[in-house]
Full PDB file with SEQRES, HELIX, SHEET, SSBOND, CRYST1, ORIGX, SCALE, CONECT and MASTER records, all heavy atoms in Angstrom:
SEQRES   1 A   40  SER LEU LEU VAL THR ASP LEU GLN GLY VAL GLY MET LYS          
SEQRES   2 A   40  LEU THR ASP VAL GLY ILE ALA THR LEU ALA LYS GLY TYR          
SEQRES   3 A   40  LYS GLY PHE LYS GLY ASN CYS SER ILE SER PHE ILE GLU          
SEQRES   4 A   40  GLN                                                          
HELIX    1 AA1 SER A   36  GLU A   39  1                                   4    
SHEET    1 AA1 2 LEU A   2  THR A   5  0                                        
SHEET    2 AA1 2 GLY A  18  THR A  21 -1                                        
SHEET    1 AA2 2 GLN A   8  VAL A  10  0                                        
SHEET    2 AA2 2 LYS A  13  THR A  15 -1                                        
CRYST1    1.000    1.000    1.000  90.00  90.00  90.00 P 1           1          
ORIGX1      1.000000  0.000000  0.000000        0.00000                         
ORIGX2      0.000000  1.000000  0.000000        0.00000                         
ORIGX3      0.000000  0.000000  1.000000        0.00000                         
SCALE1      1.000000  0.000000  0.000000        0.00000                         
SCALE2      0.000000  1.000000  0.000000        0.00000                         
SCALE3      0.000000  0.000000  1.000000        0.00000                         
ATOM      1  N   SER A   1       0.788 -10.387  -1.268  1.00  0.00           N  
ATOM      2  CA  SER A   1      -0.618  -9.995  -1.099  1.00  0.00           C  
ATOM      3  C   SER A   1      -0.788  -8.531  -0.694  1.00  0.00           C  
ATOM      4  O   SER A   1      -1.876  -7.988  -0.782  1.00  0.00           O  
ATOM      5  CB  SER A   1      -1.277 -10.853  -0.010  1.00  0.00           C  
ATOM      6  OG  SER A   1      -1.205 -12.204  -0.371  1.00  0.00           O  
ATOM      7  N   LEU A   2       0.292  -7.904  -0.216  1.00  0.00           N  
ATOM      8  CA  LEU A   2       0.167  -6.537   0.306  1.00  0.00           C  
ATOM      9  C   LEU A   2       1.430  -5.752  -0.031  1.00  0.00           C  
ATOM     10  O   LEU A   2       2.527  -6.289  -0.011  1.00  0.00           O  
ATOM     11  CB  LEU A   2      -0.040  -6.604   1.825  1.00  0.00           C  
ATOM     12  CG  LEU A   2      -0.335  -5.316   2.572  1.00  0.00           C  
ATOM     13  CD1 LEU A   2      -1.296  -5.591   3.719  1.00  0.00           C  
ATOM     14  CD2 LEU A   2       0.928  -4.683   3.137  1.00  0.00           C  
ATOM     15  N   LEU A   3       1.246  -4.473  -0.365  1.00  0.00           N  
ATOM     16  CA  LEU A   3       2.375  -3.599  -0.689  1.00  0.00           C  
ATOM     17  C   LEU A   3       2.120  -2.217  -0.092  1.00  0.00           C  
ATOM     18  O   LEU A   3       1.048  -1.647  -0.288  1.00  0.00           O  
ATOM     19  CB  LEU A   3       2.518  -3.479  -2.212  1.00  0.00           C  
ATOM     20  CG  LEU A   3       3.644  -2.573  -2.706  1.00  0.00           C  
ATOM     21  CD1 LEU A   3       5.005  -3.229  -2.493  1.00  0.00           C  
ATOM     22  CD2 LEU A   3       3.457  -2.229  -4.179  1.00  0.00           C  
ATOM     23  N   VAL A   4       3.093  -1.703   0.641  1.00  0.00           N  
ATOM     24  CA  VAL A   4       2.990  -0.330   1.144  1.00  0.00           C  
ATOM     25  C   VAL A   4       3.516   0.571   0.034  1.00  0.00           C  
ATOM     26  O   VAL A   4       4.606   0.347  -0.489  1.00  0.00           O  
ATOM     27  CB  VAL A   4       3.798  -0.135   2.444  1.00  0.00           C  
ATOM     28  CG1 VAL A   4       3.659   1.302   2.946  1.00  0.00           C  
ATOM     29  CG2 VAL A   4       3.319  -1.096   3.524  1.00  0.00           C  
ATOM     30  N   THR A   5       2.714   1.547  -0.370  1.00  0.00           N  
ATOM     31  CA  THR A   5       3.097   2.423  -1.483  1.00  0.00           C  
ATOM     32  C   THR A   5       3.091   3.873  -1.016  1.00  0.00           C  
ATOM     33  O   THR A   5       2.794   4.159   0.141  1.00  0.00           O  
ATOM     34  CB  THR A   5       2.123   2.262  -2.671  1.00  0.00           C  
ATOM     35  OG1 THR A   5       1.011   3.120  -2.467  1.00  0.00           O  
ATOM     36  CG2 THR A   5       1.632   0.856  -2.835  1.00  0.00           C  
ATOM     37  N   ASP A   6       3.416   4.767  -1.941  1.00  0.00           N  
ATOM     38  CA  ASP A   6       3.367   6.203  -1.649  1.00  0.00           C  
ATOM     39  C   ASP A   6       4.235   6.575  -0.450  1.00  0.00           C  
ATOM     40  O   ASP A   6       3.818   7.357   0.398  1.00  0.00           O  
ATOM     41  CB  ASP A   6       1.909   6.626  -1.361  1.00  0.00           C  
ATOM     42  CG  ASP A   6       1.400   7.572  -2.433  1.00  0.00           C  
ATOM     43  OD1 ASP A   6       2.098   7.737  -3.436  1.00  0.00           O  
ATOM     44  OD2 ASP A   6       0.315   8.135  -2.259  1.00  0.00           O  
ATOM     45  N   LEU A   7       5.414   5.977  -0.350  1.00  0.00           N  
ATOM     46  CA  LEU A   7       6.291   6.292   0.773  1.00  0.00           C  
ATOM     47  C   LEU A   7       6.892   7.674   0.544  1.00  0.00           C  
ATOM     48  O   LEU A   7       7.555   7.920  -0.461  1.00  0.00           O  
ATOM     49  CB  LEU A   7       7.383   5.230   0.905  1.00  0.00           C  
ATOM     50  CG  LEU A   7       6.864   3.827   1.240  1.00  0.00           C  
ATOM     51  CD1 LEU A   7       7.970   2.805   1.161  1.00  0.00           C  
ATOM     52  CD2 LEU A   7       6.216   3.790   2.601  1.00  0.00           C  
ATOM     53  N   GLN A   8       6.608   8.577   1.467  1.00  0.00           N  
ATOM     54  CA  GLN A   8       7.051   9.964   1.317  1.00  0.00           C  
ATOM     55  C   GLN A   8       7.211  10.602   2.684  1.00  0.00           C  
ATOM     56  O   GLN A   8       6.597  10.163   3.654  1.00  0.00           O  
ATOM     57  CB  GLN A   8       6.024  10.741   0.493  1.00  0.00           C  
ATOM     58  CG  GLN A   8       4.603  10.667   1.048  1.00  0.00           C  
ATOM     59  CD  GLN A   8       3.577  11.135   0.057  1.00  0.00           C  
ATOM     60  OE1 GLN A   8       3.838  12.011  -0.748  1.00  0.00           O  
ATOM     61  NE2 GLN A   8       2.389  10.560   0.102  1.00  0.00           N  
ATOM     62  N   GLY A   9       8.064  11.602   2.741  1.00  0.00           N  
ATOM     63  CA  GLY A   9       8.275  12.273   4.015  1.00  0.00           C  
ATOM     64  C   GLY A   9       9.567  13.051   4.027  1.00  0.00           C  
ATOM     65  O   GLY A   9      10.103  13.418   2.982  1.00  0.00           O  
ATOM     66  N   VAL A  10      10.080  13.296   5.220  1.00  0.00           N  
ATOM     67  CA  VAL A  10      11.308  14.057   5.404  1.00  0.00           C  
ATOM     68  C   VAL A  10      12.338  13.119   6.020  1.00  0.00           C  
ATOM     69  O   VAL A  10      12.129  12.603   7.118  1.00  0.00           O  
ATOM     70  CB  VAL A  10      11.062  15.286   6.313  1.00  0.00           C  
ATOM     71  CG1 VAL A  10      12.368  16.026   6.582  1.00  0.00           C  
ATOM     72  CG2 VAL A  10      10.025  16.219   5.691  1.00  0.00           C  
ATOM     73  N   GLY A  11      13.419  12.901   5.296  1.00  0.00           N  
ATOM     74  CA  GLY A  11      14.445  11.977   5.786  1.00  0.00           C  
ATOM     75  C   GLY A  11      13.850  10.598   5.990  1.00  0.00           C  
ATOM     76  O   GLY A  11      13.205  10.042   5.111  1.00  0.00           O  
ATOM     77  N   MET A  12      14.039  10.049   7.201  1.00  0.00           N  
ATOM     78  CA  MET A  12      13.549   8.699   7.496  1.00  0.00           C  
ATOM     79  C   MET A  12      12.145   8.708   8.116  1.00  0.00           C  
ATOM     80  O   MET A  12      11.644   7.659   8.502  1.00  0.00           O  
ATOM     81  CB  MET A  12      14.510   7.992   8.455  1.00  0.00           C  
ATOM     82  CG  MET A  12      15.869   7.728   7.854  1.00  0.00           C  
ATOM     83  SD  MET A  12      15.867   6.283   6.777  1.00  0.00           S  
ATOM     84  CE  MET A  12      17.608   6.195   6.380  1.00  0.00           C  
ATOM     85  N   LYS A  13      11.525   9.889   8.229  1.00  0.00           N  
ATOM     86  CA  LYS A  13      10.164   9.960   8.801  1.00  0.00           C  
ATOM     87  C   LYS A  13       9.156  10.071   7.665  1.00  0.00           C  
ATOM     88  O   LYS A  13       9.200  11.006   6.869  1.00  0.00           O  
ATOM     89  CB  LYS A  13      10.051  11.148   9.758  1.00  0.00           C  
ATOM     90  CG  LYS A  13      10.841  10.934  11.033  1.00  0.00           C  
ATOM     91  CD  LYS A  13      10.345  11.813  12.150  1.00  0.00           C  
ATOM     92  CE  LYS A  13      10.956  11.343  13.469  1.00  0.00           C  
ATOM     93  NZ  LYS A  13      10.315  11.959  14.601  1.00  0.00           N  
ATOM     94  N   LEU A  14       8.255   9.103   7.611  1.00  0.00           N  
ATOM     95  CA  LEU A  14       7.315   9.003   6.488  1.00  0.00           C  
ATOM     96  C   LEU A  14       5.881   9.243   6.933  1.00  0.00           C  
ATOM     97  O   LEU A  14       5.514   8.945   8.067  1.00  0.00           O  
ATOM     98  CB  LEU A  14       7.423   7.612   5.854  1.00  0.00           C  
ATOM     99  CG  LEU A  14       8.826   7.107   5.519  1.00  0.00           C  
ATOM    100  CD1 LEU A  14       8.769   5.667   5.049  1.00  0.00           C  
ATOM    101  CD2 LEU A  14       9.486   7.989   4.473  1.00  0.00           C  
ATOM    102  N   THR A  15       5.073   9.760   5.995  1.00  0.00           N  
ATOM    103  CA  THR A  15       3.654   9.989   6.275  1.00  0.00           C  
ATOM    104  C   THR A  15       2.830   9.860   5.006  1.00  0.00           C  
ATOM    105  O   THR A  15       3.379   9.789   3.909  1.00  0.00           O  
ATOM    106  CB  THR A  15       3.447  11.393   6.893  1.00  0.00           C  
ATOM    107  OG1 THR A  15       2.064  11.527   7.260  1.00  0.00           O  
ATOM    108  CG2 THR A  15       3.815  12.514   5.933  1.00  0.00           C  
ATOM    109  N   ASP A  16       1.511   9.850   5.163  1.00  0.00           N  
ATOM    110  CA  ASP A  16       0.572   9.846   4.043  1.00  0.00           C  
ATOM    111  C   ASP A  16       0.835   8.689   3.077  1.00  0.00           C  
ATOM    112  O   ASP A  16       0.853   8.864   1.875  1.00  0.00           O  
ATOM    113  CB  ASP A  16       0.627  11.196   3.318  1.00  0.00           C  
ATOM    114  CG  ASP A  16      -0.616  11.436   2.460  1.00  0.00           C  
ATOM    115  OD1 ASP A  16      -1.651  10.789   2.727  1.00  0.00           O  
ATOM    116  OD2 ASP A  16      -0.543  12.237   1.513  1.00  0.00           O  
ATOM    117  N   VAL A  17       1.064   7.505   3.632  1.00  0.00           N  
ATOM    118  CA  VAL A  17       1.368   6.336   2.803  1.00  0.00           C  
ATOM    119  C   VAL A  17       0.072   5.665   2.338  1.00  0.00           C  
ATOM    120  O   VAL A  17      -1.007   5.962   2.850  1.00  0.00           O  
ATOM    121  CB  VAL A  17       2.247   5.318   3.575  1.00  0.00           C  
ATOM    122  CG1 VAL A  17       3.553   5.956   4.011  1.00  0.00           C  
ATOM    123  CG2 VAL A  17       1.516   4.725   4.765  1.00  0.00           C  
ATOM    124  N   GLY A  18       0.209   4.778   1.384  1.00  0.00           N  
ATOM    125  CA  GLY A  18      -0.929   4.003   0.902  1.00  0.00           C  
ATOM    126  C   GLY A  18      -0.618   2.527   1.014  1.00  0.00           C  
ATOM    127  O   GLY A  18       0.532   2.138   1.222  1.00  0.00           O  
ATOM    128  N   ILE A  19      -1.644   1.699   0.889  1.00  0.00           N  
ATOM    129  CA  ILE A  19      -1.447   0.247   0.882  1.00  0.00           C  
ATOM    130  C   ILE A  19      -2.291  -0.352  -0.241  1.00  0.00           C  
ATOM    131  O   ILE A  19      -3.464  -0.036  -0.384  1.00  0.00           O  
ATOM    132  CB  ILE A  19      -1.842  -0.402   2.234  1.00  0.00           C  
ATOM    133  CG1 ILE A  19      -0.880   0.040   3.344  1.00  0.00           C  
ATOM    134  CG2 ILE A  19      -1.849  -1.928   2.123  1.00  0.00           C  
ATOM    135  CD1 ILE A  19      -1.166  -0.568   4.717  1.00  0.00           C  
ATOM    136  N   ALA A  20      -1.640  -1.203  -1.033  1.00  0.00           N  
ATOM    137  CA  ALA A  20      -2.353  -1.951  -2.073  1.00  0.00           C  
ATOM    138  C   ALA A  20      -2.433  -3.404  -1.618  1.00  0.00           C  
ATOM    139  O   ALA A  20      -1.464  -3.939  -1.080  1.00  0.00           O  
ATOM    140  CB  ALA A  20      -1.603  -1.855  -3.393  1.00  0.00           C  
ATOM    141  N   THR A  21      -3.599  -4.016  -1.799  1.00  0.00           N  
ATOM    142  CA  THR A  21      -3.753  -5.442  -1.482  1.00  0.00           C  
ATOM    143  C   THR A  21      -4.360  -6.133  -2.691  1.00  0.00           C  
ATOM    144  O   THR A  21      -4.916  -5.477  -3.573  1.00  0.00           O  
ATOM    145  CB  THR A  21      -4.698  -5.676  -0.283  1.00  0.00           C  
ATOM    146  OG1 THR A  21      -5.946  -5.024  -0.561  1.00  0.00           O  
ATOM    147  CG2 THR A  21      -4.124  -5.157   1.015  1.00  0.00           C  
ATOM    148  N   LEU A  22      -4.248  -7.452  -2.710  1.00  0.00           N  
ATOM    149  CA  LEU A  22      -4.954  -8.211  -3.736  1.00  0.00           C  
ATOM    150  C   LEU A  22      -6.449  -7.987  -3.528  1.00  0.00           C  
ATOM    151  O   LEU A  22      -6.869  -7.570  -2.447  1.00  0.00           O  
ATOM    152  CB  LEU A  22      -4.611  -9.698  -3.630  1.00  0.00           C  
ATOM    153  CG  LEU A  22      -3.144 -10.063  -3.892  1.00  0.00           C  
ATOM    154  CD1 LEU A  22      -2.938 -11.564  -3.731  1.00  0.00           C  
ATOM    155  CD2 LEU A  22      -2.698  -9.630  -5.284  1.00  0.00           C  
ATOM    156  N   ALA A  23      -7.249  -8.278  -4.540  1.00  0.00           N  
ATOM    157  CA  ALA A  23      -8.691  -7.981  -4.498  1.00  0.00           C  
ATOM    158  C   ALA A  23      -9.366  -8.473  -3.221  1.00  0.00           C  
ATOM    159  O   ALA A  23     -10.199  -7.779  -2.644  1.00  0.00           O  
ATOM    160  CB  ALA A  23      -9.365  -8.576  -5.722  1.00  0.00           C  
ATOM    161  N   LYS A  24      -8.989  -9.684  -2.770  1.00  0.00           N  
ATOM    162  CA  LYS A  24      -9.650 -10.245  -1.590  1.00  0.00           C  
ATOM    163  C   LYS A  24      -9.120  -9.651  -0.282  1.00  0.00           C  
ATOM    164  O   LYS A  24      -9.611  -9.967   0.795  1.00  0.00           O  
ATOM    165  CB  LYS A  24      -9.514 -11.767  -1.584  1.00  0.00           C  
ATOM    166  CG  LYS A  24      -8.073 -12.274  -1.498  1.00  0.00           C  
ATOM    167  CD  LYS A  24      -8.034 -13.790  -1.460  1.00  0.00           C  
ATOM    168  CE  LYS A  24      -6.648 -14.312  -1.162  1.00  0.00           C  
ATOM    169  NZ  LYS A  24      -5.826 -14.601  -2.293  1.00  0.00           N  
ATOM    170  N   GLY A  25      -8.093  -8.800  -0.372  1.00  0.00           N  
ATOM    171  CA  GLY A  25      -7.495  -8.227   0.833  1.00  0.00           C  
ATOM    172  C   GLY A  25      -6.454  -9.166   1.416  1.00  0.00           C  
ATOM    173  O   GLY A  25      -6.078 -10.157   0.797  1.00  0.00           O  
ATOM    174  N   TYR A  26      -5.981  -8.830   2.616  1.00  0.00           N  
ATOM    175  CA  TYR A  26      -4.977  -9.668   3.267  1.00  0.00           C  
ATOM    176  C   TYR A  26      -5.290  -9.736   4.755  1.00  0.00           C  
ATOM    177  O   TYR A  26      -5.301  -8.714   5.435  1.00  0.00           O  
ATOM    178  CB  TYR A  26      -3.574  -9.097   3.036  1.00  0.00           C  
ATOM    179  CG  TYR A  26      -2.486  -9.895   3.719  1.00  0.00           C  
ATOM    180  CD1 TYR A  26      -2.136 -11.157   3.244  1.00  0.00           C  
ATOM    181  CD2 TYR A  26      -1.823  -9.403   4.841  1.00  0.00           C  
ATOM    182  CE1 TYR A  26      -1.149 -11.907   3.873  1.00  0.00           C  
ATOM    183  CE2 TYR A  26      -0.829 -10.155   5.470  1.00  0.00           C  
ATOM    184  CZ  TYR A  26      -0.495 -11.397   4.980  1.00  0.00           C  
ATOM    185  OH  TYR A  26       0.474 -12.143   5.600  1.00  0.00           O  
ATOM    186  N   LYS A  27      -5.593 -10.939   5.245  1.00  0.00           N  
ATOM    187  CA  LYS A  27      -5.926 -11.159   6.657  1.00  0.00           C  
ATOM    188  C   LYS A  27      -6.991 -10.173   7.145  1.00  0.00           C  
ATOM    189  O   LYS A  27      -6.855  -9.544   8.195  1.00  0.00           O  
ATOM    190  CB  LYS A  27      -4.667 -11.056   7.519  1.00  0.00           C  
ATOM    191  CG  LYS A  27      -3.680 -12.179   7.261  1.00  0.00           C  
ATOM    192  CD  LYS A  27      -2.540 -12.180   8.263  1.00  0.00           C  
ATOM    193  CE  LYS A  27      -1.639 -13.378   8.022  1.00  0.00           C  
ATOM    194  NZ  LYS A  27      -0.532 -13.454   8.958  1.00  0.00           N  
ATOM    195  N   GLY A  28      -8.038 -10.013   6.346  1.00  0.00           N  
ATOM    196  CA  GLY A  28      -9.156  -9.149   6.733  1.00  0.00           C  
ATOM    197  C   GLY A  28      -8.913  -7.673   6.489  1.00  0.00           C  
ATOM    198  O   GLY A  28      -9.760  -6.835   6.782  1.00  0.00           O  
ATOM    199  N   PHE A  29      -7.767  -7.318   5.911  1.00  0.00           N  
ATOM    200  CA  PHE A  29      -7.440  -5.904   5.666  1.00  0.00           C  
ATOM    201  C   PHE A  29      -7.501  -5.611   4.175  1.00  0.00           C  
ATOM    202  O   PHE A  29      -6.959  -6.364   3.374  1.00  0.00           O  
ATOM    203  CB  PHE A  29      -6.034  -5.597   6.196  1.00  0.00           C  
ATOM    204  CG  PHE A  29      -5.573  -4.196   5.901  1.00  0.00           C  
ATOM    205  CD1 PHE A  29      -5.923  -3.158   6.739  1.00  0.00           C  
ATOM    206  CD2 PHE A  29      -4.810  -3.921   4.773  1.00  0.00           C  
ATOM    207  CE1 PHE A  29      -5.513  -1.864   6.458  1.00  0.00           C  
ATOM    208  CE2 PHE A  29      -4.409  -2.621   4.484  1.00  0.00           C  
ATOM    209  CZ  PHE A  29      -4.759  -1.605   5.335  1.00  0.00           C  
ATOM    210  N   LYS A  30      -8.172  -4.514   3.815  1.00  0.00           N  
ATOM    211  CA  LYS A  30      -8.196  -4.094   2.403  1.00  0.00           C  
ATOM    212  C   LYS A  30      -7.528  -2.735   2.295  1.00  0.00           C  
ATOM    213  O   LYS A  30      -7.787  -1.841   3.095  1.00  0.00           O  
ATOM    214  CB  LYS A  30      -9.630  -4.015   1.873  1.00  0.00           C  
ATOM    215  CG  LYS A  30     -10.188  -5.379   1.549  1.00  0.00           C  
ATOM    216  CD  LYS A  30     -11.295  -5.294   0.522  1.00  0.00           C  
ATOM    217  CE  LYS A  30     -11.679  -6.691   0.062  1.00  0.00           C  
ATOM    218  NZ  LYS A  30     -12.461  -6.693  -1.134  1.00  0.00           N  
ATOM    219  N   GLY A  31      -6.660  -2.610   1.302  1.00  0.00           N  
ATOM    220  CA  GLY A  31      -5.924  -1.356   1.124  1.00  0.00           C  
ATOM    221  C   GLY A  31      -6.746  -0.280   0.441  1.00  0.00           C  
ATOM    222  O   GLY A  31      -7.922  -0.471   0.135  1.00  0.00           O  
ATOM    223  N   ASN A  32      -6.085   0.870   0.184  1.00  0.00           N  
ATOM    224  CA  ASN A  32      -6.761   2.002  -0.456  1.00  0.00           C  
ATOM    225  C   ASN A  32      -6.151   2.317  -1.819  1.00  0.00           C  
ATOM    226  O   ASN A  32      -6.396   3.358  -2.388  1.00  0.00           O  
ATOM    227  CB  ASN A  32      -6.678   3.241   0.452  1.00  0.00           C  
ATOM    228  CG  ASN A  32      -5.248   3.688   0.720  1.00  0.00           C  
ATOM    229  OD1 ASN A  32      -4.304   2.921   0.552  1.00  0.00           O  
ATOM    230  ND2 ASN A  32      -5.079   4.926   1.150  1.00  0.00           N  
ATOM    231  N   CYS A  33      -5.320   1.402  -2.343  1.00  0.00           N  
ATOM    232  CA  CYS A  33      -4.678   1.605  -3.647  1.00  0.00           C  
ATOM    233  C   CYS A  33      -4.995   0.436  -4.571  1.00  0.00           C  
ATOM    234  O   CYS A  33      -5.322  -0.648  -4.114  1.00  0.00           O  
ATOM    235  CB  CYS A  33      -3.164   1.709  -3.483  1.00  0.00           C  
ATOM    236  SG  CYS A  33      -2.650   3.123  -2.499  1.00  0.00           S  
ATOM    237  N   SER A  34      -4.843   0.687  -5.851  1.00  0.00           N  
ATOM    238  CA  SER A  34      -5.159  -0.317  -6.865  1.00  0.00           C  
ATOM    239  C   SER A  34      -4.201  -1.506  -6.813  1.00  0.00           C  
ATOM    240  O   SER A  34      -3.015  -1.351  -6.538  1.00  0.00           O  
ATOM    241  CB  SER A  34      -5.084   0.340  -8.248  1.00  0.00           C  
ATOM    242  OG  SER A  34      -4.975  -0.637  -9.247  1.00  0.00           O  
ATOM    243  N   ILE A  35      -4.731  -2.678  -7.125  1.00  0.00           N  
ATOM    244  CA  ILE A  35      -3.931  -3.908  -7.196  1.00  0.00           C  
ATOM    245  C   ILE A  35      -2.828  -3.775  -8.243  1.00  0.00           C  
ATOM    246  O   ILE A  35      -1.786  -4.423  -8.159  1.00  0.00           O  
ATOM    247  CB  ILE A  35      -4.846  -5.131  -7.511  1.00  0.00           C  
ATOM    248  CG1 ILE A  35      -4.067  -6.433  -7.416  1.00  0.00           C  
ATOM    249  CG2 ILE A  35      -5.504  -4.990  -8.870  1.00  0.00           C  
ATOM    250  CD1 ILE A  35      -4.926  -7.666  -7.559  1.00  0.00           C  
ATOM    251  N   SER A  36      -3.020  -2.884  -9.230  1.00  0.00           N  
ATOM    252  CA  SER A  36      -2.022  -2.707 -10.297  1.00  0.00           C  
ATOM    253  C   SER A  36      -0.688  -2.225  -9.724  1.00  0.00           C  
ATOM    254  O   SER A  36       0.366  -2.451 -10.310  1.00  0.00           O  
ATOM    255  CB  SER A  36      -2.514  -1.725 -11.364  1.00  0.00           C  
ATOM    256  OG  SER A  36      -2.647  -0.435 -10.799  1.00  0.00           O  
ATOM    257  N   PHE A  37      -0.701  -1.559  -8.562  1.00  0.00           N  
ATOM    258  CA  PHE A  37       0.550  -1.097  -7.946  1.00  0.00           C  
ATOM    259  C   PHE A  37       1.418  -2.289  -7.560  1.00  0.00           C  
ATOM    260  O   PHE A  37       2.640  -2.230  -7.619  1.00  0.00           O  
ATOM    261  CB  PHE A  37       0.284  -0.244  -6.703  1.00  0.00           C  
ATOM    262  CG  PHE A  37      -0.527   0.996  -6.965  1.00  0.00           C  
ATOM    263  CD1 PHE A  37      -1.169   1.639  -5.927  1.00  0.00           C  
ATOM    264  CD2 PHE A  37      -0.650   1.522  -8.237  1.00  0.00           C  
ATOM    265  CE1 PHE A  37      -1.927   2.776  -6.155  1.00  0.00           C  
ATOM    266  CE2 PHE A  37      -1.395   2.654  -8.483  1.00  0.00           C  
ATOM    267  CZ  PHE A  37      -2.037   3.294  -7.440  1.00  0.00           C  
ATOM    268  N   ILE A  38       0.770  -3.388  -7.149  1.00  0.00           N  
ATOM    269  CA  ILE A  38       1.520  -4.595  -6.776  1.00  0.00           C  
ATOM    270  C   ILE A  38       2.196  -5.165  -8.025  1.00  0.00           C  
ATOM    271  O   ILE A  38       3.367  -5.507  -8.002  1.00  0.00           O  
ATOM    272  CB  ILE A  38       0.600  -5.648  -6.112  1.00  0.00           C  
ATOM    273  CG1 ILE A  38       0.066  -5.117  -4.770  1.00  0.00           C  
ATOM    274  CG2 ILE A  38       1.331  -6.969  -5.917  1.00  0.00           C  
ATOM    275  CD1 ILE A  38      -0.908  -6.039  -4.042  1.00  0.00           C  
ATOM    276  N   GLU A  39       1.444  -5.236  -9.125  1.00  0.00           N  
ATOM    277  CA  GLU A  39       1.990  -5.759 -10.378  1.00  0.00           C  
ATOM    278  C   GLU A  39       3.142  -4.898 -10.875  1.00  0.00           C  
ATOM    279  O   GLU A  39       4.176  -5.408 -11.309  1.00  0.00           O  
ATOM    280  CB  GLU A  39       0.886  -5.828 -11.449  1.00  0.00           C  
ATOM    281  CG  GLU A  39      -0.177  -6.873 -11.127  1.00  0.00           C  
ATOM    282  CD  GLU A  39      -1.542  -6.549 -11.730  1.00  0.00           C  
ATOM    283  OE1 GLU A  39      -1.625  -5.676 -12.620  1.00  0.00           O  
ATOM    284  OE2 GLU A  39      -2.525  -7.176 -11.291  1.00  0.00           O  
ATOM    285  N   GLN A  40       2.962  -3.562 -10.796  1.00  0.00           N  
ATOM    286  CA  GLN A  40       4.014  -2.647 -11.258  1.00  0.00           C  
ATOM    287  C   GLN A  40       5.255  -2.758 -10.375  1.00  0.00           C  
ATOM    288  O   GLN A  40       6.377  -2.727 -10.867  1.00  0.00           O  
ATOM    289  CB  GLN A  40       3.490  -1.207 -11.264  1.00  0.00           C  
ATOM    290  CG  GLN A  40       2.561  -0.963 -12.438  1.00  0.00           C  
ATOM    291  CD  GLN A  40       1.778   0.323 -12.303  1.00  0.00           C  
ATOM    292  OE1 GLN A  40       1.735   0.930 -11.249  1.00  0.00           O  
ATOM    293  NE2 GLN A  40       1.150   0.734 -13.379  1.00  0.00           N  
TER     294      GLN A  40                                                      
MASTER        0    0    0    1    4    0    0    6  293    1    0    4          
END                                                                             
């Protein structure tokens, strides 16, 4: 139901990530990326 995307940063420290959720969201949370990212 949820995927963390856009993982980027320096070494093991990451920032500016995105989250894709199914259309209905997940446990009251809606992401900022398209559901197609989950399928891909």
